[in-house]
Amino acid sequence: MKVSELAKTLGFKVFSSGEDREAGGVYIGDLLSWVMGRANEDDVWLTIMSNLNVSAVAELADVACVVLCEGVEPDEALLKKAEEEKLWLLGSEKPLYGTALALAVHF
């Protein structure tokens, strides 16, 4: 399913958008070095991390999008960088587990 469809279907807040990629799976993690080495290309990355480093890790891991869970909002630097890089940066009010469950039916 395309990122835009996931965002609309699951009611995610769109902080920034980019190329409408096909999402291929889900990765949950907050330890950025761990995510870099383990997230797969085209994954939907679920995290509560909201600083500038998230955009760098998202680019290195080549994820389809990042979903900030638990009502987390991106800090100003992350939002600016995500907009510049055309990174899909989404928000969910649900906890990480609840967001993962909502996504599970789509993969």
C-alpha atoms as a PDB file:
ATOM      1  CA  MET A   1       0.000   0.000   0.000  1.00  0.00           C
ATOM      2  CA  LYS A   2       1.223   3.509  -0.764  1.00  0.00           C
ATOM      3  CA  VAL A   3       2.254   5.753   2.115  1.00  0.00           C
ATOM      4  CA  SER A   4      -0.464   8.293   1.311  1.00  0.00           C
ATOM      5  CA  GLU A   5      -3.106   5.549   1.468  1.00  0.00           C
ATOM      6  CA  LEU A   6      -1.779   4.306   4.820  1.00  0.00           C
ATOM      7  CA  ALA A   7      -1.837   7.826   6.227  1.00  0.00           C
ATOM      8  CA  LYS A   8      -5.401   8.396   5.074  1.00  0.00           C
ATOM      9  CA  THR A   9      -6.729   4.948   6.017  1.00  0.00           C
ATOM     10  CA  LEU A  10      -5.209   4.965   9.499  1.00  0.00           C
ATOM     11  CA  GLY A  11      -5.788   8.647  10.199  1.00  0.00           C
ATOM     12  CA  PHE A  12      -2.134   9.550  10.627  1.00  0.00           C
ATOM     13  CA  LYS A  13      -1.256  13.227  10.892  1.00  0.00           C
ATOM     14  CA  VAL A  14       0.932  14.325   7.964  1.00  0.00           C
ATOM     15  CA  PHE A  15       3.803  16.530   9.105  1.00  0.00           C
ATOM     16  CA  SER A  16       5.611  16.331   5.754  1.00  0.00           C
ATOM     17  CA  SER A  17       5.275  14.304   2.576  1.00  0.00           C
ATOM     18  CA  GLY A  18       7.367  13.141  -0.335  1.00  0.00           C
ATOM     19  CA  GLU A  19       7.436  10.549  -3.074  1.00  0.00           C
ATOM     20  CA  ASP A  20       4.408   8.312  -2.640  1.00  0.00           C
ATOM     21  CA  ARG A  21       6.243   5.040  -2.133  1.00  0.00           C
ATOM     22  CA  GLU A  22       4.897   1.571  -1.629  1.00  0.00           C
ATOM     23  CA  ALA A  23       5.355   0.540   1.997  1.00  0.00           C
ATOM     24  CA  GLY A  24       6.764  -2.954   2.358  1.00  0.00           C
ATOM     25  CA  GLY A  25       6.762  -3.728   6.066  1.00  0.00           C
ATOM     26  CA  VAL A  26       7.016  -2.278   9.557  1.00  0.00           C
ATOM     27  CA  TYR A  27      10.019  -1.659  11.780  1.00  0.00           C
ATOM     28  CA  ILE A  28       9.733  -0.475  15.390  1.00  0.00           C
ATOM     29  CA  GLY A  29      12.740   1.036  17.107  1.00  0.00           C
ATOM     30  CA  ASP A  30      14.116   4.037  18.945  1.00  0.00           C
ATOM     31  CA  LEU A  31      17.825   3.233  19.101  1.00  0.00           C
ATOM     32  CA  LEU A  32      18.931   5.002  15.930  1.00  0.00           C
ATOM     33  CA  SER A  33      22.082   2.960  15.308  1.00  0.00           C
ATOM     34  CA  TRP A  34      19.995  -0.212  15.632  1.00  0.00           C
ATOM     35  CA  VAL A  35      17.410   1.087  13.142  1.00  0.00           C
ATOM     36  CA  MET A  36      20.147   1.975  10.632  1.00  0.00           C
ATOM     37  CA  GLY A  37      21.369  -1.591  10.587  1.00  0.00           C
ATOM     38  CA  ARG A  38      18.085  -3.450  10.783  1.00  0.00           C
ATOM     39  CA  ALA A  39      15.215  -1.546   9.152  1.00  0.00           C
ATOM     40  CA  ASN A  40      14.505  -2.683   5.619  1.00  0.00           C
ATOM     41  CA  GLU A  41      14.134  -0.513   2.558  1.00  0.00           C
ATOM     42  CA  ASP A  42      10.503   0.630   2.189  1.00  0.00           C
ATOM     43  CA  ASP A  43       9.602  -0.123   5.822  1.00  0.00           C
ATOM     44  CA  VAL A  44       7.226   2.040   7.818  1.00  0.00           C
ATOM     45  CA  TRP A  45       9.417   3.042  10.754  1.00  0.00           C
ATOM     46  CA  LEU A  46       7.593   3.525  14.062  1.00  0.00           C
ATOM     47  CA  THR A  47       9.378   5.547  16.719  1.00  0.00           C
ATOM     48  CA  ILE A  48       8.990   8.095  19.487  1.00  0.00           C
ATOM     49  CA  MET A  49      12.269   9.808  18.578  1.00  0.00           C
ATOM     50  CA  SER A  50      11.596  13.276  17.225  1.00  0.00           C
ATOM     51  CA  ASN A  51      14.934  14.981  16.688  1.00  0.00           C
ATOM     52  CA  LEU A  52      16.948  15.854  13.595  1.00  0.00           C
ATOM     53  CA  ASN A  53      18.805  12.520  13.574  1.00  0.00           C
ATOM     54  CA  VAL A  54      15.581  10.741  12.596  1.00  0.00           C
ATOM     55  CA  SER A  55      15.769  12.196   9.069  1.00  0.00           C
ATOM     56  CA  ALA A  56      19.366  11.026   8.605  1.00  0.00           C
ATOM     57  CA  VAL A  57      18.535   7.497   9.768  1.00  0.00           C
ATOM     58  CA  ALA A  58      15.403   7.400   7.590  1.00  0.00           C
ATOM     59  CA  GLU A  59      17.506   8.331   4.576  1.00  0.00           C
ATOM     60  CA  LEU A  60      20.273   5.819   5.349  1.00  0.00           C
ATOM     61  CA  ALA A  61      17.783   2.999   5.936  1.00  0.00           C
ATOM     62  CA  ASP A  62      15.714   4.154   2.937  1.00  0.00           C
ATOM     63  CA  VAL A  63      12.415   3.682   4.760  1.00  0.00           C
ATOM     64  CA  ALA A  64       9.158   4.607   3.046  1.00  0.00           C
ATOM     65  CA  CYS A  65       8.094   6.811   5.955  1.00  0.00           C
ATOM     66  CA  VAL A  66       8.498   7.560   9.626  1.00  0.00           C
ATOM     67  CA  VAL A  67       5.551   7.478  12.026  1.00  0.00           C
ATOM     68  CA  LEU A  68       6.001   9.337  15.297  1.00  0.00           C
ATOM     69  CA  CYS A  69       3.789   7.484  17.774  1.00  0.00           C
ATOM     70  CA  GLU A  70       2.168   8.294  21.115  1.00  0.00           C
ATOM     71  CA  GLY A  71       1.275  11.842  20.050  1.00  0.00           C
ATOM     72  CA  VAL A  72       4.929  12.833  19.646  1.00  0.00           C
ATOM     73  CA  GLU A  73       5.482  15.947  17.511  1.00  0.00           C
ATOM     74  CA  PRO A  74       8.671  16.531  15.515  1.00  0.00           C
ATOM     75  CA  ASP A  75      11.009  19.189  16.803  1.00  0.00           C
ATOM     76  CA  GLU A  76      11.514  22.223  14.583  1.00  0.00           C
ATOM     77  CA  ALA A  77      14.816  21.005  13.102  1.00  0.00           C
ATOM     78  CA  LEU A  78      13.385  17.601  12.164  1.00  0.00           C
ATOM     79  CA  LEU A  79      10.298  19.121  10.586  1.00  0.00           C
ATOM     80  CA  LYS A  80      12.380  21.535   8.505  1.00  0.00           C
ATOM     81  CA  LYS A  81      14.755  18.764   7.363  1.00  0.00           C
ATOM     82  CA  ALA A  82      11.882  16.367   6.566  1.00  0.00           C
ATOM     83  CA  GLU A  83      10.244  19.029   4.416  1.00  0.00           C
ATOM     84  CA  GLU A  84      13.553  19.759   2.626  1.00  0.00           C
ATOM     85  CA  GLU A  85      14.255  16.065   2.013  1.00  0.00           C
ATOM     86  CA  LYS A  86      10.633  15.288   1.084  1.00  0.00           C
ATOM     87  CA  LEU A  87      10.483  12.637   3.802  1.00  0.00           C
ATOM     88  CA  TRP A  88       7.095  11.238   4.730  1.00  0.00           C
ATOM     89  CA  LEU A  89       6.843  12.136   8.404  1.00  0.00           C
ATOM     90  CA  LEU A  90       3.579  11.051   9.977  1.00  0.00           C
ATOM     91  CA  GLY A  91       2.047  11.084  13.432  1.00  0.00           C
ATOM     92  CA  SER A  92      -0.080   8.634  15.389  1.00  0.00           C
ATOM     93  CA  GLU A  93      -1.784   9.196  18.728  1.00  0.00           C
ATOM     94  CA  LYS A  94      -1.636   5.462  19.431  1.00  0.00           C
ATOM     95  CA  PRO A  95       1.238   3.774  21.280  1.00  0.00           C
ATOM     96  CA  LEU A  96       3.861   1.966  19.220  1.00  0.00           C
ATOM     97  CA  TYR A  97       2.149  -1.393  19.700  1.00  0.00           C
ATOM     98  CA  GLY A  98      -1.307  -0.057  18.788  1.00  0.00           C
ATOM     99  CA  THR A  99       0.075   1.618  15.682  1.00  0.00           C
ATOM    100  CA  ALA A 100       1.827  -1.604  14.685  1.00  0.00           C
ATOM    101  CA  LEU A 101      -1.413  -3.551  15.133  1.00  0.00           C
ATOM    102  CA  ALA A 102      -3.290  -1.069  12.950  1.00  0.00           C
ATOM    103  CA  LEU A 103      -0.615  -1.421  10.247  1.00  0.00           C
ATOM    104  CA  ALA A 104      -0.412  -5.232  10.492  1.00  0.00           C
ATOM    105  CA  VAL A 105      -3.583  -5.848   8.516  1.00  0.00           C
ATOM    106  CA  HIS A 106      -2.040  -4.025   5.540  1.00  0.00           C
ATOM    107  CA  PHE A 107       1.038  -6.281   5.227  1.00  0.00           C
END
